[in-house]
Amino acid sequence: MNPFYFNDTASYLIDPTFTKEEVEKAGYLWRSDPIKVDIPADLEQVNVRELDNYESFNTEGKRTINPDILKKVIIDDEGNCRRIVNMEYDFLVKYGLPLPRKHRLERMKENFRIG
């Protein structure tokens, strides 16, 4: 028994050719709904298209990220929710990287696609 959705597993990352029907016929779960989390009422939500408002460049040309993003929930175009955690924020700032526009699972799926 696999408690995870097939299309969120490493198997699907390696071979994304399976269809929802094939997976469900074999008895596995398939996630059709967006990834949702319980969002505390006191947290502000930010659409992924608004992330540019939290990034800027300092006088030396290095990217900076407003730490207020740590208090926000990011909603992408598919309705998936996520937050930037302190460790991720520190990494992005240290290396001058932009805030990710895609959900972690979507980025993983793209990175596994070859050719």
PDB file of N, CA and C in Angstrom:
ATOM      1  N   MET A   1       0.845  -1.182   0.000  1.00  0.00           N
ATOM      2  CA  MET A   1       0.000   0.000   0.000  1.00  0.00           C
ATOM      3  C   MET A   1       0.891   1.245   0.000  1.00  0.00           C
ATOM      4  N   ASN A   2       0.679   2.093  -0.965  1.00  0.00           N
ATOM      5  CA  ASN A   2       1.428   3.339  -1.054  1.00  0.00           C
ATOM      6  C   ASN A   2       0.509   4.482  -0.625  1.00  0.00           C
ATOM      7  N   PRO A   3       0.847   5.187   0.467  1.00  0.00           N
ATOM      8  CA  PRO A   3      -0.022   6.272   0.943  1.00  0.00           C
ATOM      9  C   PRO A   3       0.151   7.582   0.165  1.00  0.00           C
ATOM     10  N   PHE A   4       1.080   7.613  -0.787  1.00  0.00           N
ATOM     11  CA  PHE A   4       1.375   8.841  -1.514  1.00  0.00           C
ATOM     12  C   PHE A   4       0.705   8.845  -2.885  1.00  0.00           C
ATOM     13  N   TYR A   5       0.444  10.028  -3.377  1.00  0.00           N
ATOM     14  CA  TYR A   5      -0.089  10.161  -4.733  1.00  0.00           C
ATOM     15  C   TYR A   5       1.001   9.784  -5.724  1.00  0.00           C
ATOM     16  N   PHE A   6       0.657   8.941  -6.670  1.00  0.00           N
ATOM     17  CA  PHE A   6       1.646   8.446  -7.633  1.00  0.00           C
ATOM     18  C   PHE A   6       2.313   9.586  -8.384  1.00  0.00           C
ATOM     19  N   ASN A   7       1.540  10.590  -8.777  1.00  0.00           N
ATOM     20  CA  ASN A   7       2.113  11.679  -9.568  1.00  0.00           C
ATOM     21  C   ASN A   7       2.952  12.653  -8.732  1.00  0.00           C
ATOM     22  N   ASP A   8       3.145  12.368  -7.429  1.00  0.00           N
ATOM     23  CA  ASP A   8       4.051  13.132  -6.584  1.00  0.00           C
ATOM     24  C   ASP A   8       5.221  12.276  -6.103  1.00  0.00           C
ATOM     25  N   THR A   9       5.436  11.115  -6.710  1.00  0.00           N
ATOM     26  CA  THR A   9       6.505  10.219  -6.282  1.00  0.00           C
ATOM     27  C   THR A   9       7.677  10.250  -7.262  1.00  0.00           C
ATOM     28  N   ALA A  10       8.790   9.662  -6.824  1.00  0.00           N
ATOM     29  CA  ALA A  10       9.970   9.575  -7.686  1.00  0.00           C
ATOM     30  C   ALA A  10       9.676   8.742  -8.929  1.00  0.00           C
ATOM     31  N   SER A  11       8.797   7.757  -8.805  1.00  0.00           N
ATOM     32  CA  SER A  11       8.448   6.930  -9.969  1.00  0.00           C
ATOM     33  C   SER A  11       7.887   7.784 -11.101  1.00  0.00           C
ATOM     34  N   TYR A  12       7.027   8.711 -10.759  1.00  0.00           N
ATOM     35  CA  TYR A  12       6.423   9.572 -11.777  1.00  0.00           C
ATOM     36  C   TYR A  12       7.441  10.588 -12.296  1.00  0.00           C
ATOM     37  N   LEU A  13       8.386  10.988 -11.438  1.00  0.00           N
ATOM     38  CA  LEU A  13       9.431  11.901 -11.895  1.00  0.00           C
ATOM     39  C   LEU A  13      10.285  11.239 -12.963  1.00  0.00           C
ATOM     40  N   ILE A  14      10.562   9.955 -12.770  1.00  0.00           N
ATOM     41  CA  ILE A  14      11.407   9.221 -13.697  1.00  0.00           C
ATOM     42  C   ILE A  14      10.659   8.884 -14.987  1.00  0.00           C
ATOM     43  N   ASP A  15       9.384   8.511 -14.861  1.00  0.00           N
ATOM     44  CA  ASP A  15       8.591   8.151 -16.040  1.00  0.00           C
ATOM     45  C   ASP A  15       7.204   8.799 -15.954  1.00  0.00           C
ATOM     46  N   PRO A  16       7.063  10.024 -16.465  1.00  0.00           N
ATOM     47  CA  PRO A  16       5.782  10.734 -16.366  1.00  0.00           C
ATOM     48  C   PRO A  16       4.774  10.374 -17.462  1.00  0.00           C
ATOM     49  N   THR A  17       4.968   9.238 -18.138  1.00  0.00           N
ATOM     50  CA  THR A  17       4.064   8.878 -19.229  1.00  0.00           C
ATOM     51  C   THR A  17       2.788   8.192 -18.742  1.00  0.00           C
ATOM     52  N   PHE A  18       2.733   7.808 -17.461  1.00  0.00           N
ATOM     53  CA  PHE A  18       1.526   7.153 -16.946  1.00  0.00           C
ATOM     54  C   PHE A  18       0.362   8.133 -16.913  1.00  0.00           C
ATOM     55  N   THR A  19      -0.816   7.647 -17.239  1.00  0.00           N
ATOM     56  CA  THR A  19      -2.011   8.480 -17.180  1.00  0.00           C
ATOM     57  C   THR A  19      -2.730   8.246 -15.859  1.00  0.00           C
ATOM     58  N   LYS A  20      -3.608   9.155 -15.519  1.00  0.00           N
ATOM     59  CA  LYS A  20      -4.398   9.032 -14.297  1.00  0.00           C
ATOM     60  C   LYS A  20      -5.189   7.719 -14.306  1.00  0.00           C
ATOM     61  N   GLU A  21      -5.757   7.385 -15.443  1.00  0.00           N
ATOM     62  CA  GLU A  21      -6.562   6.170 -15.558  1.00  0.00           C
ATOM     63  C   GLU A  21      -5.728   4.918 -15.315  1.00  0.00           C
ATOM     64  N   GLU A  22      -4.538   4.857 -15.895  1.00  0.00           N
ATOM     65  CA  GLU A  22      -3.658   3.704 -15.702  1.00  0.00           C
ATOM     66  C   GLU A  22      -3.265   3.543 -14.234  1.00  0.00           C
ATOM     67  N   VAL A  23      -2.946   4.646 -13.612  1.00  0.00           N
ATOM     68  CA  VAL A  23      -2.506   4.613 -12.225  1.00  0.00           C
ATOM     69  C   VAL A  23      -3.642   4.166 -11.308  1.00  0.00           C
ATOM     70  N   GLU A  24      -4.824   4.752 -11.487  1.00  0.00           N
ATOM     71  CA  GLU A  24      -5.959   4.385 -10.644  1.00  0.00           C
ATOM     72  C   GLU A  24      -6.409   2.949 -10.897  1.00  0.00           C
ATOM     73  N   LYS A  25      -6.318   2.482 -12.134  1.00  0.00           N
ATOM     74  CA  LYS A  25      -6.681   1.098 -12.456  1.00  0.00           C
ATOM     75  C   LYS A  25      -5.756   0.116 -11.727  1.00  0.00           C
ATOM     76  N   ALA A  26      -4.489   0.512 -11.553  1.00  0.00           N
ATOM     77  CA  ALA A  26      -3.527  -0.329 -10.842  1.00  0.00           C
ATOM     78  C   ALA A  26      -3.701  -0.238  -9.326  1.00  0.00           C
ATOM     79  N   GLY A  27      -4.605   0.623  -8.872  1.00  0.00           N
ATOM     80  CA  GLY A  27      -4.894   0.717  -7.441  1.00  0.00           C
ATOM     81  C   GLY A  27      -4.116   1.780  -6.686  1.00  0.00           C
ATOM     82  N   TYR A  28      -3.456   2.677  -7.395  1.00  0.00           N
ATOM     83  CA  TYR A  28      -2.688   3.727  -6.740  1.00  0.00           C
ATOM     84  C   TYR A  28      -3.475   5.032  -6.714  1.00  0.00           C
ATOM     85  N   LEU A  29      -3.025   5.952  -5.877  1.00  0.00           N
ATOM     86  CA  LEU A  29      -3.669   7.258  -5.741  1.00  0.00           C
ATOM     87  C   LEU A  29      -3.104   8.237  -6.766  1.00  0.00           C
ATOM     88  N   TRP A  30      -3.934   9.174  -7.198  1.00  0.00           N
ATOM     89  CA  TRP A  30      -3.534  10.216  -8.135  1.00  0.00           C
ATOM     90  C   TRP A  30      -4.033  11.549  -7.588  1.00  0.00           C
ATOM     91  N   ARG A  31      -3.141  12.537  -7.486  1.00  0.00           N
ATOM     92  CA  ARG A  31      -3.540  13.857  -6.983  1.00  0.00           C
ATOM     93  C   ARG A  31      -4.007  14.712  -8.145  1.00  0.00           C
ATOM     94  N   SER A  32      -5.295  15.072  -8.122  1.00  0.00           N
ATOM     95  CA  SER A  32      -5.851  15.956  -9.143  1.00  0.00           C
ATOM     96  C   SER A  32      -6.008  17.376  -8.615  1.00  0.00           C
ATOM     97  N   ASP A  33      -6.177  17.503  -7.309  1.00  0.00           N
ATOM     98  CA  ASP A  33      -6.401  18.808  -6.700  1.00  0.00           C
ATOM     99  C   ASP A  33      -5.073  19.518  -6.438  1.00  0.00           C
ATOM    100  N   PRO A  34      -5.116  20.843  -6.387  1.00  0.00           N
ATOM    101  CA  PRO A  34      -3.897  21.586  -6.038  1.00  0.00           C
ATOM    102  C   PRO A  34      -3.412  21.195  -4.638  1.00  0.00           C
ATOM    103  N   ILE A  35      -2.135  21.396  -4.385  1.00  0.00           N
ATOM    104  CA  ILE A  35      -1.581  21.137  -3.061  1.00  0.00           C
ATOM    105  C   ILE A  35      -2.075  22.242  -2.136  1.00  0.00           C
ATOM    106  N   LYS A  36      -2.794  21.858  -1.102  1.00  0.00           N
ATOM    107  CA  LYS A  36      -3.368  22.841  -0.184  1.00  0.00           C
ATOM    108  C   LYS A  36      -2.793  22.641   1.205  1.00  0.00           C
ATOM    109  N   VAL A  37      -2.724  23.727   1.922  1.00  0.00           N
ATOM    110  CA  VAL A  37      -2.302  23.692   3.313  1.00  0.00           C
ATOM    111  C   VAL A  37      -3.265  24.532   4.122  1.00  0.00           C
ATOM    112  N   ASP A  38      -3.307  24.275   5.407  1.00  0.00           N
ATOM    113  CA  ASP A  38      -4.106  25.127   6.285  1.00  0.00           C
ATOM    114  C   ASP A  38      -3.334  26.415   6.503  1.00  0.00           C
ATOM    115  N   ILE A  39      -3.923  27.514   6.103  1.00  0.00           N
ATOM    116  CA  ILE A  39      -3.261  28.804   6.216  1.00  0.00           C
ATOM    117  C   ILE A  39      -3.819  29.520   7.434  1.00  0.00           C
ATOM    118  N   PRO A  40      -2.963  29.809   8.418  1.00  0.00           N
ATOM    119  CA  PRO A  40      -3.441  30.559   9.584  1.00  0.00           C
ATOM    120  C   PRO A  40      -4.032  31.899   9.154  1.00  0.00           C
ATOM    121  N   ALA A  41      -5.061  32.317   9.850  1.00  0.00           N
ATOM    122  CA  ALA A  41      -5.782  33.534   9.481  1.00  0.00           C
ATOM    123  C   ALA A  41      -4.904  34.779   9.528  1.00  0.00           C
ATOM    124  N   ASP A  42      -3.862  34.771  10.349  1.00  0.00           N
ATOM    125  CA  ASP A  42      -3.030  35.966  10.490  1.00  0.00           C
ATOM    126  C   ASP A  42      -1.923  36.076   9.434  1.00  0.00           C
ATOM    127  N   LEU A  43      -1.841  35.111   8.525  1.00  0.00           N
ATOM    128  CA  LEU A  43      -0.826  35.172   7.473  1.00  0.00           C
ATOM    129  C   LEU A  43      -1.405  35.747   6.185  1.00  0.00           C
ATOM    130  N   GLU A  44      -0.672  36.695   5.626  1.00  0.00           N
ATOM    131  CA  GLU A  44      -1.088  37.310   4.367  1.00  0.00           C
ATOM    132  C   GLU A  44      -0.712  36.404   3.201  1.00  0.00           C
ATOM    133  N   GLN A  45      -1.552  36.374   2.193  1.00  0.00           N
ATOM    134  CA  GLN A  45      -1.288  35.579   1.001  1.00  0.00           C
ATOM    135  C   GLN A  45      -0.775  36.488  -0.110  1.00  0.00           C
ATOM    136  N   VAL A  46       0.184  35.962  -0.879  1.00  0.00           N
ATOM    137  CA  VAL A  46       0.773  36.699  -1.984  1.00  0.00           C
ATOM    138  C   VAL A  46       0.717  35.817  -3.216  1.00  0.00           C
ATOM    139  N   ASN A  47       0.235  36.358  -4.314  1.00  0.00           N
ATOM    140  CA  ASN A  47       0.236  35.613  -5.564  1.00  0.00           C
ATOM    141  C   ASN A  47       1.652  35.561  -6.106  1.00  0.00           C
ATOM    142  N   VAL A  48       1.998  34.470  -6.743  1.00  0.00           N
ATOM    143  CA  VAL A  48       3.352  34.284  -7.275  1.00  0.00           C
ATOM    144  C   VAL A  48       3.734  35.414  -8.231  1.00  0.00           C
ATOM    145  N   ARG A  49       2.766  36.016  -8.889  1.00  0.00           N
ATOM    146  CA  ARG A  49       3.049  37.115  -9.822  1.00  0.00           C
ATOM    147  C   ARG A  49       3.463  38.400  -9.102  1.00  0.00           C
ATOM    148  N   GLU A  50       3.261  38.445  -7.781  1.00  0.00           N
ATOM    149  CA  GLU A  50       3.613  39.630  -6.989  1.00  0.00           C
ATOM    150  C   GLU A  50       4.990  39.512  -6.339  1.00  0.00           C
ATOM    151  N   LEU A  51       5.712  38.436  -6.593  1.00  0.00           N
ATOM    152  CA  LEU A  51       7.003  38.233  -5.928  1.00  0.00           C
ATOM    153  C   LEU A  51       8.046  39.270  -6.312  1.00  0.00           C
ATOM    154  N   ASP A  52       7.892  39.872  -7.484  1.00  0.00           N
ATOM    155  CA  ASP A  52       8.830  40.928  -7.884  1.00  0.00           C
ATOM    156  C   ASP A  52       8.836  42.070  -6.876  1.00  0.00           C
ATOM    157  N   ASN A  53       7.714  42.274  -6.187  1.00  0.00           N
ATOM    158  CA  ASN A  53       7.619  43.343  -5.194  1.00  0.00           C
ATOM    159  C   ASN A  53       8.506  43.090  -3.976  1.00  0.00           C
ATOM    160  N   TYR A  54       8.973  41.856  -3.805  1.00  0.00           N
ATOM    161  CA  TYR A  54       9.796  41.492  -2.644  1.00  0.00           C
ATOM    162  C   TYR A  54      11.276  41.349  -3.006  1.00  0.00           C
ATOM    163  N   GLU A  55      11.612  41.594  -4.252  1.00  0.00           N
ATOM    164  CA  GLU A  55      12.992  41.502  -4.715  1.00  0.00           C
ATOM    165  C   GLU A  55      13.452  42.851  -5.258  1.00  0.00           C
ATOM    166  N   SER A  56      14.713  43.143  -5.026  1.00  0.00           N
ATOM    167  CA  SER A  56      15.300  44.360  -5.584  1.00  0.00           C
ATOM    168  C   SER A  56      16.799  44.141  -5.696  1.00  0.00           C
ATOM    169  N   PHE A  57      17.491  45.126  -6.233  1.00  0.00           N
ATOM    170  CA  PHE A  57      18.944  45.070  -6.347  1.00  0.00           C
ATOM    171  C   PHE A  57      19.525  46.239  -5.576  1.00  0.00           C
ATOM    172  N   ASN A  58      20.571  45.965  -4.788  1.00  0.00           N
ATOM    173  CA  ASN A  58      21.200  47.039  -4.019  1.00  0.00           C
ATOM    174  C   ASN A  58      22.146  47.834  -4.915  1.00  0.00           C
ATOM    175  N   THR A  59      22.857  48.787  -4.327  1.00  0.00           N
ATOM    176  CA  THR A  59      23.720  49.672  -5.110  1.00  0.00           C
ATOM    177  C   THR A  59      24.879  48.931  -5.759  1.00  0.00           C
ATOM    178  N   GLU A  60      25.251  47.768  -5.206  1.00  0.00           N
ATOM    179  CA  GLU A  60      26.333  46.975  -5.796  1.00  0.00           C
ATOM    180  C   GLU A  60      25.820  46.005  -6.856  1.00  0.00           C
ATOM    181  N   GLY A  61      24.513  46.033  -7.120  1.00  0.00           N
ATOM    182  CA  GLY A  61      23.934  45.157  -8.123  1.00  0.00           C
ATOM    183  C   GLY A  61      23.580  43.773  -7.617  1.00  0.00           C
ATOM    184  N   LYS A  62      23.665  43.557  -6.297  1.00  0.00           N
ATOM    185  CA  LYS A  62      23.331  42.246  -5.727  1.00  0.00           C
ATOM    186  C   LYS A  62      21.844  42.196  -5.395  1.00  0.00           C
ATOM    187  N   ARG A  63      21.239  41.053  -5.727  1.00  0.00           N
ATOM    188  CA  ARG A  63      19.813  40.866  -5.464  1.00  0.00           C
ATOM    189  C   ARG A  63      19.560  40.832  -3.964  1.00  0.00           C
ATOM    190  N   THR A  64      18.521  41.515  -3.529  1.00  0.00           N
ATOM    191  CA  THR A  64      18.088  41.462  -2.133  1.00  0.00           C
ATOM    192  C   THR A  64      16.631  41.020  -2.102  1.00  0.00           C
ATOM    193  N   ILE A  65      16.270  40.360  -1.020  1.00  0.00           N
ATOM    194  CA  ILE A  65      14.903  39.878  -0.838  1.00  0.00           C
ATOM    195  C   ILE A  65      14.377  40.445   0.470  1.00  0.00           C
ATOM    196  N   ASN A  66      13.216  41.047   0.403  1.00  0.00           N
ATOM    197  CA  ASN A  66      12.584  41.619   1.585  1.00  0.00           C
ATOM    198  C   ASN A  66      12.235  40.488   2.555  1.00  0.00           C
ATOM    199  N   PRO A  67      12.704  40.552   3.811  1.00  0.00           N
ATOM    200  CA  PRO A  67      12.416  39.480   4.776  1.00  0.00           C
ATOM    201  C   PRO A  67      10.934  39.355   5.130  1.00  0.00           C
ATOM    202  N   ASP A  68      10.109  40.319   4.736  1.00  0.00           N
ATOM    203  CA  ASP A  68       8.663  40.206   4.984  1.00  0.00           C
ATOM    204  C   ASP A  68       8.060  38.996   4.276  1.00  0.00           C
ATOM    205  N   ILE A  69       8.743  38.486   3.243  1.00  0.00           N
ATOM    206  CA  ILE A  69       8.229  37.320   2.516  1.00  0.00           C
ATOM    207  C   ILE A  69       8.127  36.105   3.436  1.00  0.00           C
ATOM    208  N   LEU A  70       8.910  36.079   4.511  1.00  0.00           N
ATOM    209  CA  LEU A  70       8.872  34.967   5.461  1.00  0.00           C
ATOM    210  C   LEU A  70       7.544  34.900   6.216  1.00  0.00           C
ATOM    211  N   LYS A  71       6.806  35.996   6.224  1.00  0.00           N
ATOM    212  CA  LYS A  71       5.525  36.060   6.934  1.00  0.00           C
ATOM    213  C   LYS A  71       4.338  35.868   5.994  1.00  0.00           C
ATOM    214  N   LYS A  72       4.605  35.516   4.736  1.00  0.00           N
ATOM    215  CA  LYS A  72       3.553  35.409   3.721  1.00  0.00           C
ATOM    216  C   LYS A  72       3.419  33.973   3.214  1.00  0.00           C
ATOM    217  N   VAL A  73       2.242  33.673   2.698  1.00  0.00           N
ATOM    218  CA  VAL A  73       1.983  32.408   2.019  1.00  0.00           C
ATOM    219  C   VAL A  73       1.917  32.720   0.532  1.00  0.00           C
ATOM    220  N   ILE A  74       2.681  31.985  -0.259  1.00  0.00           N
ATOM    221  CA  ILE A  74       2.737  32.213  -1.704  1.00  0.00           C
ATOM    222  C   ILE A  74       1.764  31.257  -2.384  1.00  0.00           C
ATOM    223  N   ILE A  75       0.888  31.810  -3.216  1.00  0.00           N
ATOM    224  CA  ILE A  75      -0.096  31.025  -3.966  1.00  0.00           C
ATOM    225  C   ILE A  75       0.284  31.096  -5.438  1.00  0.00           C
ATOM    226  N   ASP A  76       0.443  29.923  -6.085  1.00  0.00           N
ATOM    227  CA  ASP A  76       0.788  29.942  -7.507  1.00  0.00           C
ATOM    228  C   ASP A  76      -0.472  29.908  -8.368  1.00  0.00           C
ATOM    229  N   ASP A  77      -0.281  29.929  -9.677  1.00  0.00           N
ATOM    230  CA  ASP A  77      -1.409  30.008 -10.612  1.00  0.00           C
ATOM    231  C   ASP A  77      -2.315  28.778 -10.562  1.00  0.00           C
ATOM    232  N   GLU A  78      -1.786  27.650 -10.089  1.00  0.00           N
ATOM    233  CA  GLU A  78      -2.595  26.431  -9.969  1.00  0.00           C
ATOM    234  C   GLU A  78      -3.295  26.332  -8.615  1.00  0.00           C
ATOM    235  N   GLY A  79      -3.065  27.309  -7.737  1.00  0.00           N
ATOM    236  CA  GLY A  79      -3.686  27.288  -6.409  1.00  0.00           C
ATOM    237  C   GLY A  79      -2.855  26.589  -5.354  1.00  0.00           C
ATOM    238  N   ASN A  80      -1.636  26.153  -5.705  1.00  0.00           N
ATOM    239  CA  ASN A  80      -0.758  25.514  -4.728  1.00  0.00           C
ATOM    240  C   ASN A  80      -0.182  26.561  -3.775  1.00  0.00           C
ATOM    241  N   CYS A  81      -0.083  26.196  -2.513  1.00  0.00           N
ATOM    242  CA  CYS A  81       0.403  27.104  -1.477  1.00  0.00           C
ATOM    243  C   CYS A  81       1.760  26.656  -0.971  1.00  0.00           C
ATOM    244  N   ARG A  82       2.572  27.636  -0.607  1.00  0.00           N
ATOM    245  CA  ARG A  82       3.862  27.322   0.004  1.00  0.00           C
ATOM    246  C   ARG A  82       4.367  28.540   0.756  1.00  0.00           C
ATOM    247  N   ARG A  83       5.390  28.310   1.566  1.00  0.00           N
ATOM    248  CA  ARG A  83       6.039  29.403   2.283  1.00  0.00           C
ATOM    249  C   ARG A  83       7.545  29.308   2.074  1.00  0.00           C
ATOM    250  N   ILE A  84       8.204  30.432   2.192  1.00  0.00           N
ATOM    251  CA  ILE A  84       9.659  30.466   2.190  1.00  0.00           C
ATOM    252  C   ILE A  84      10.075  30.364   3.659  1.00  0.00           C
ATOM    253  N   VAL A  85      10.915  29.384   3.967  1.00  0.00           N
ATOM    254  CA  VAL A  85      11.380  29.201   5.341  1.00  0.00           C
ATOM    255  C   VAL A  85      12.729  29.893   5.517  1.00  0.00           C
ATOM    256  N   ASN A  86      13.123  30.116   6.770  1.00  0.00           N
ATOM    257  CA  ASN A  86      14.357  30.856   7.063  1.00  0.00           C
ATOM    258  C   ASN A  86      15.572  30.278   6.352  1.00  0.00           C
ATOM    259  N   MET A  87      15.726  28.958   6.361  1.00  0.00           N
ATOM    260  CA  MET A  87      16.900  28.339   5.751  1.00  0.00           C
ATOM    261  C   MET A  87      16.931  28.602   4.238  1.00  0.00           C
ATOM    262  N   GLU A  88      15.766  28.508   3.601  1.00  0.00           N
ATOM    263  CA  GLU A  88      15.686  28.774   2.163  1.00  0.00           C
ATOM    264  C   GLU A  88      15.969  30.249   1.881  1.00  0.00           C
ATOM    265  N   TYR A  89      15.401  31.119   2.697  1.00  0.00           N
ATOM    266  CA  TYR A  89      15.619  32.564   2.547  1.00  0.00           C
ATOM    267  C   TYR A  89      17.120  32.878   2.647  1.00  0.00           C
ATOM    268  N   ASP A  90      17.777  32.334   3.673  1.00  0.00           N
ATOM    269  CA  ASP A  90      19.211  32.581   3.856  1.00  0.00           C
ATOM    270  C   ASP A  90      20.013  32.108   2.651  1.00  0.00           C
ATOM    271  N   PHE A  91      19.661  30.949   2.105  1.00  0.00           N
ATOM    272  CA  PHE A  91      20.342  30.404   0.926  1.00  0.00           C
ATOM    273  C   PHE A  91      20.156  31.323  -0.278  1.00  0.00           C
ATOM    274  N   LEU A  92      18.923  31.752  -0.520  1.00  0.00           N
ATOM    275  CA  LEU A  92      18.637  32.610  -1.668  1.00  0.00           C
ATOM    276  C   LEU A  92      19.392  33.931  -1.564  1.00  0.00           C
ATOM    277  N   VAL A  93      19.410  34.512  -0.360  1.00  0.00           N
ATOM    278  CA  VAL A  93      20.106  35.784  -0.158  1.00  0.00           C
ATOM    279  C   VAL A  93      21.612  35.608  -0.310  1.00  0.00           C
ATOM    280  N   LYS A  94      22.161  34.560   0.286  1.00  0.00           N
ATOM    281  CA  LYS A  94      23.610  34.315   0.232  1.00  0.00           C
ATOM    282  C   LYS A  94      24.119  34.217  -1.198  1.00  0.00           C
ATOM    283  N   TYR A  95      23.364  33.548  -2.057  1.00  0.00           N
ATOM    284  CA  TYR A  95      23.807  33.322  -3.433  1.00  0.00           C
ATOM    285  C   TYR A  95      23.151  34.259  -4.451  1.00  0.00           C
ATOM    286  N   GLY A  96      22.379  35.228  -3.971  1.00  0.00           N
ATOM    287  CA  GLY A  96      21.772  36.203  -4.873  1.00  0.00           C
ATOM    288  C   GLY A  96      20.764  35.611  -5.830  1.00  0.00           C
ATOM    289  N   LEU A  97      20.041  34.579  -5.380  1.00  0.00           N
ATOM    290  CA  LEU A  97      19.067  33.898  -6.230  1.00  0.00           C
ATOM    291  C   LEU A  97      17.681  34.511  -6.085  1.00  0.00           C
ATOM    292  N   PRO A  98      16.851  34.419  -7.118  1.00  0.00           N
ATOM    293  CA  PRO A  98      15.486  34.946  -7.031  1.00  0.00           C
ATOM    294  C   PRO A  98      14.582  34.018  -6.230  1.00  0.00           C
ATOM    295  N   LEU A  99      13.475  34.558  -5.764  1.00  0.00           N
ATOM    296  CA  LEU A  99      12.458  33.737  -5.116  1.00  0.00           C
ATOM    297  C   LEU A  99      11.900  32.761  -6.146  1.00  0.00           C
ATOM    298  N   PRO A 100      11.728  31.496  -5.779  1.00  0.00           N
ATOM    299  CA  PRO A 100      11.192  30.529  -6.743  1.00  0.00           C
ATOM    300  C   PRO A 100       9.755  30.859  -7.121  1.00  0.00           C
ATOM    301  N   ARG A 101       9.474  30.811  -8.394  1.00  0.00           N
ATOM    302  CA  ARG A 101       8.122  31.096  -8.889  1.00  0.00           C
ATOM    303  C   ARG A 101       7.268  29.837  -8.958  1.00  0.00           C
ATOM    304  N   LYS A 102       7.910  28.666  -8.946  1.00  0.00           N
ATOM    305  CA  LYS A 102       7.182  27.397  -9.062  1.00  0.00           C
ATOM    306  C   LYS A 102       7.269  26.617  -7.758  1.00  0.00           C
ATOM    307  N   HIS A 103       6.254  25.812  -7.524  1.00  0.00           N
ATOM    308  CA  HIS A 103       6.221  24.950  -6.349  1.00  0.00           C
ATOM    309  C   HIS A 103       7.368  23.946  -6.426  1.00  0.00           C
ATOM    310  N   ARG A 104       7.854  23.532  -5.268  1.00  0.00           N
ATOM    311  CA  ARG A 104       8.978  22.597  -5.176  1.00  0.00           C
ATOM    312  C   ARG A 104       8.747  21.327  -5.993  1.00  0.00           C
ATOM    313  N   LEU A 105       7.558  20.751  -5.917  1.00  0.00           N
ATOM    314  CA  LEU A 105       7.287  19.524  -6.664  1.00  0.00           C
ATOM    315  C   LEU A 105       7.346  19.762  -8.171  1.00  0.00           C
ATOM    316  N   GLU A 106       6.847  20.897  -8.619  1.00  0.00           N
ATOM    317  CA  GLU A 106       6.900  21.210 -10.051  1.00  0.00           C
ATOM    318  C   GLU A 106       8.337  21.391 -10.512  1.00  0.00           C
ATOM    319  N   ARG A 107       9.177  22.030  -9.685  1.00  0.00           N
ATOM    320  CA  ARG A 107      10.585  22.195 -10.045  1.00  0.00           C
ATOM    321  C   ARG A 107      11.282  20.844 -10.119  1.00  0.00           C
ATOM    322  N   MET A 108      10.970  19.953  -9.179  1.00  0.00           N
ATOM    323  CA  MET A 108      11.572  18.619  -9.197  1.00  0.00           C
ATOM    324  C   MET A 108      11.168  17.869 -10.457  1.00  0.00           C
ATOM    325  N   LYS A 109       9.893  17.938 -10.823  1.00  0.00           N
ATOM    326  CA  LYS A 109       9.421  17.245 -12.019  1.00  0.00           C
ATOM    327  C   LYS A 109      10.147  17.757 -13.267  1.00  0.00           C
ATOM    328  N   GLU A 110      10.322  19.066 -13.364  1.00  0.00           N
ATOM    329  CA  GLU A 110      11.030  19.638 -14.516  1.00  0.00           C
ATOM    330  C   GLU A 110      12.483  19.191 -14.560  1.00  0.00           C
ATOM    331  N   ASN A 111      13.125  19.120 -13.417  1.00  0.00           N
ATOM    332  CA  ASN A 111      14.539  18.733 -13.363  1.00  0.00           C
ATOM    333  C   ASN A 111      14.759  17.274 -13.729  1.00  0.00           C
ATOM    334  N   PHE A 112      13.745  16.430 -13.573  1.00  0.00           N
ATOM    335  CA  PHE A 112      13.891  15.014 -13.899  1.00  0.00           C
ATOM    336  C   PHE A 112      13.618  14.737 -15.373  1.00  0.00           C
ATOM    337  N   ARG A 113      12.976  15.655 -16.060  1.00  0.00           N
ATOM    338  CA  ARG A 113      12.678  15.439 -17.474  1.00  0.00           C
ATOM    339  C   ARG A 113      13.954  15.537 -18.295  1.00  0.00           C
ATOM    340  N   ILE A 114      14.165  14.544 -19.085  1.00  0.00           N
ATOM    341  CA  ILE A 114      15.363  14.514 -19.928  1.00  0.00           C
ATOM    342  C   ILE A 114      14.916  14.492 -21.388  1.00  0.00           C
ATOM    343  N   GLY A 115      15.499  15.360 -22.182  1.00  0.00           N
ATOM    344  CA  GLY A 115      15.229  15.357 -23.613  1.00  0.00           C
ATOM    345  C   GLY A 115      13.949  15.860 -24.004  1.00  0.00           C
TER     346      GLY A 115
END
